[in-house]
Amino acid sequence: MKITVDLPDKAVRDICRYAGERKKGPAIRKMALENLNWRMRQALLDKFTSGEWSVDLPDWRELRKDRELSWQ
């Protein structure tokens, strides 16, 4: 999909520099996708830190019992 956006020239130069791209289109695409991925990861983190989601892991000592037996 193609879109048109108006950005100041300085912002476009900064986007190209931070994205490591020489052309405007690929730089903006890269920055937009990176920002999207960051926001999705942040949303997952927020669910875990708020307690909405959780993970029940077994006790680490139980997981290590088989390793203790292999050392003997």
C-alpha atoms as a PDB file:
ATOM      1  CA  MET A   1       0.000   0.000   0.000  1.00  0.00           C
ATOM      2  CA  LYS A   2       1.297   3.435  -0.794  1.00  0.00           C
ATOM      3  CA  ILE A   3       0.595   6.489   1.304  1.00  0.00           C
ATOM      4  CA  THR A   4       1.676  10.099   1.179  1.00  0.00           C
ATOM      5  CA  VAL A   5       2.880  11.906   4.278  1.00  0.00           C
ATOM      6  CA  ASP A   6       4.204  15.425   4.792  1.00  0.00           C
ATOM      7  CA  LEU A   7       7.295  15.519   6.962  1.00  0.00           C
ATOM      8  CA  PRO A   8       9.768  18.309   7.563  1.00  0.00           C
ATOM      9  CA  ASP A   9      13.060  17.912   5.710  1.00  0.00           C
ATOM     10  CA  LYS A  10      15.013  17.686   8.969  1.00  0.00           C
ATOM     11  CA  ALA A  11      12.767  14.863  10.189  1.00  0.00           C
ATOM     12  CA  VAL A  12      13.305  12.951   6.942  1.00  0.00           C
ATOM     13  CA  ARG A  13      17.084  13.393   7.228  1.00  0.00           C
ATOM     14  CA  ASP A  14      16.978  12.166  10.825  1.00  0.00           C
ATOM     15  CA  ILE A  15      14.823   9.184   9.861  1.00  0.00           C
ATOM     16  CA  CYS A  16      17.270   8.228   7.103  1.00  0.00           C
ATOM     17  CA  ARG A  17      20.228   8.590   9.454  1.00  0.00           C
ATOM     18  CA  TYR A  18      18.726   6.546  12.300  1.00  0.00           C
ATOM     19  CA  ALA A  19      17.301   3.908   9.974  1.00  0.00           C
ATOM     20  CA  GLY A  20      20.657   3.511   8.239  1.00  0.00           C
ATOM     21  CA  GLU A  21      19.060   3.967   4.835  1.00  0.00           C
ATOM     22  CA  ARG A  22      20.014   6.361   2.055  1.00  0.00           C
ATOM     23  CA  LYS A  23      16.590   6.622   0.427  1.00  0.00           C
ATOM     24  CA  LYS A  24      13.536   8.163   2.052  1.00  0.00           C
ATOM     25  CA  GLY A  25      10.997   5.429   1.256  1.00  0.00           C
ATOM     26  CA  PRO A  26      12.913   2.474   2.705  1.00  0.00           C
ATOM     27  CA  ALA A  27      13.953   4.553   5.724  1.00  0.00           C
ATOM     28  CA  ILE A  28      10.396   5.558   6.581  1.00  0.00           C
ATOM     29  CA  ARG A  29       9.172   2.002   6.011  1.00  0.00           C
ATOM     30  CA  LYS A  30      11.879   0.589   8.293  1.00  0.00           C
ATOM     31  CA  MET A  31      11.192   3.105  11.052  1.00  0.00           C
ATOM     32  CA  ALA A  32       7.424   2.565  10.857  1.00  0.00           C
ATOM     33  CA  LEU A  33       7.794  -1.229  11.089  1.00  0.00           C
ATOM     34  CA  GLU A  34      10.276  -0.984  13.949  1.00  0.00           C
ATOM     35  CA  ASN A  35       7.928   1.308  15.830  1.00  0.00           C
ATOM     36  CA  LEU A  36       5.010  -1.047  15.220  1.00  0.00           C
ATOM     37  CA  ASN A  37       7.014  -4.021  16.512  1.00  0.00           C
ATOM     38  CA  TRP A  38       8.126  -2.035  19.568  1.00  0.00           C
ATOM     39  CA  ARG A  39       4.538  -1.044  20.387  1.00  0.00           C
ATOM     40  CA  MET A  40       3.328  -4.642  20.010  1.00  0.00           C
ATOM     41  CA  ARG A  41       6.080  -5.885  22.355  1.00  0.00           C
ATOM     42  CA  GLN A  42       5.224  -3.092  24.799  1.00  0.00           C
ATOM     43  CA  ALA A  43       1.554  -4.119  24.765  1.00  0.00           C
ATOM     44  CA  LEU A  44       2.537  -7.725  25.605  1.00  0.00           C
ATOM     45  CA  LEU A  45       4.823  -6.533  28.375  1.00  0.00           C
ATOM     46  CA  ASP A  46       2.058  -4.355  29.795  1.00  0.00           C
ATOM     47  CA  LYS A  47      -0.258  -7.370  29.992  1.00  0.00           C
ATOM     48  CA  PHE A  48       2.316  -9.338  31.979  1.00  0.00           C
ATOM     49  CA  THR A  49       3.293  -6.492  34.293  1.00  0.00           C
ATOM     50  CA  SER A  50      -0.342  -5.610  35.011  1.00  0.00           C
ATOM     51  CA  GLY A  51      -1.121  -9.225  35.910  1.00  0.00           C
ATOM     52  CA  GLU A  52      -3.670  -9.653  33.122  1.00  0.00           C
ATOM     53  CA  TRP A  53      -1.480 -12.427  31.729  1.00  0.00           C
ATOM     54  CA  SER A  54       0.831 -14.719  33.645  1.00  0.00           C
ATOM     55  CA  VAL A  55       2.947 -17.789  33.162  1.00  0.00           C
ATOM     56  CA  ASP A  56       3.061 -20.614  35.663  1.00  0.00           C
ATOM     57  CA  LEU A  57       6.539 -22.081  35.679  1.00  0.00           C
ATOM     58  CA  PRO A  58       7.579 -25.092  37.714  1.00  0.00           C
ATOM     59  CA  ASP A  59       9.984 -24.608  40.578  1.00  0.00           C
ATOM     60  CA  TRP A  60      13.525 -24.373  39.247  1.00  0.00           C
ATOM     61  CA  ARG A  61      14.725 -26.980  41.768  1.00  0.00           C
ATOM     62  CA  GLU A  62      12.335 -29.506  40.255  1.00  0.00           C
ATOM     63  CA  LEU A  63      13.711 -28.775  36.816  1.00  0.00           C
ATOM     64  CA  ARG A  64      17.296 -29.278  38.022  1.00  0.00           C
ATOM     65  CA  LYS A  65      16.726 -32.671  39.714  1.00  0.00           C
ATOM     66  CA  ASP A  66      17.517 -34.602  36.540  1.00  0.00           C
ATOM     67  CA  ARG A  67      20.788 -32.688  36.154  1.00  0.00           C
ATOM     68  CA  GLU A  68      21.847 -33.505  39.693  1.00  0.00           C
ATOM     69  CA  LEU A  69      21.386 -37.217  39.017  1.00  0.00           C
ATOM     70  CA  SER A  70      23.471 -37.083  35.853  1.00  0.00           C
ATOM     71  CA  TRP A  71      26.476 -35.627  37.748  1.00  0.00           C
ATOM     72  CA  GLN A  72      26.690 -38.569  40.127  1.00  0.00           C
END
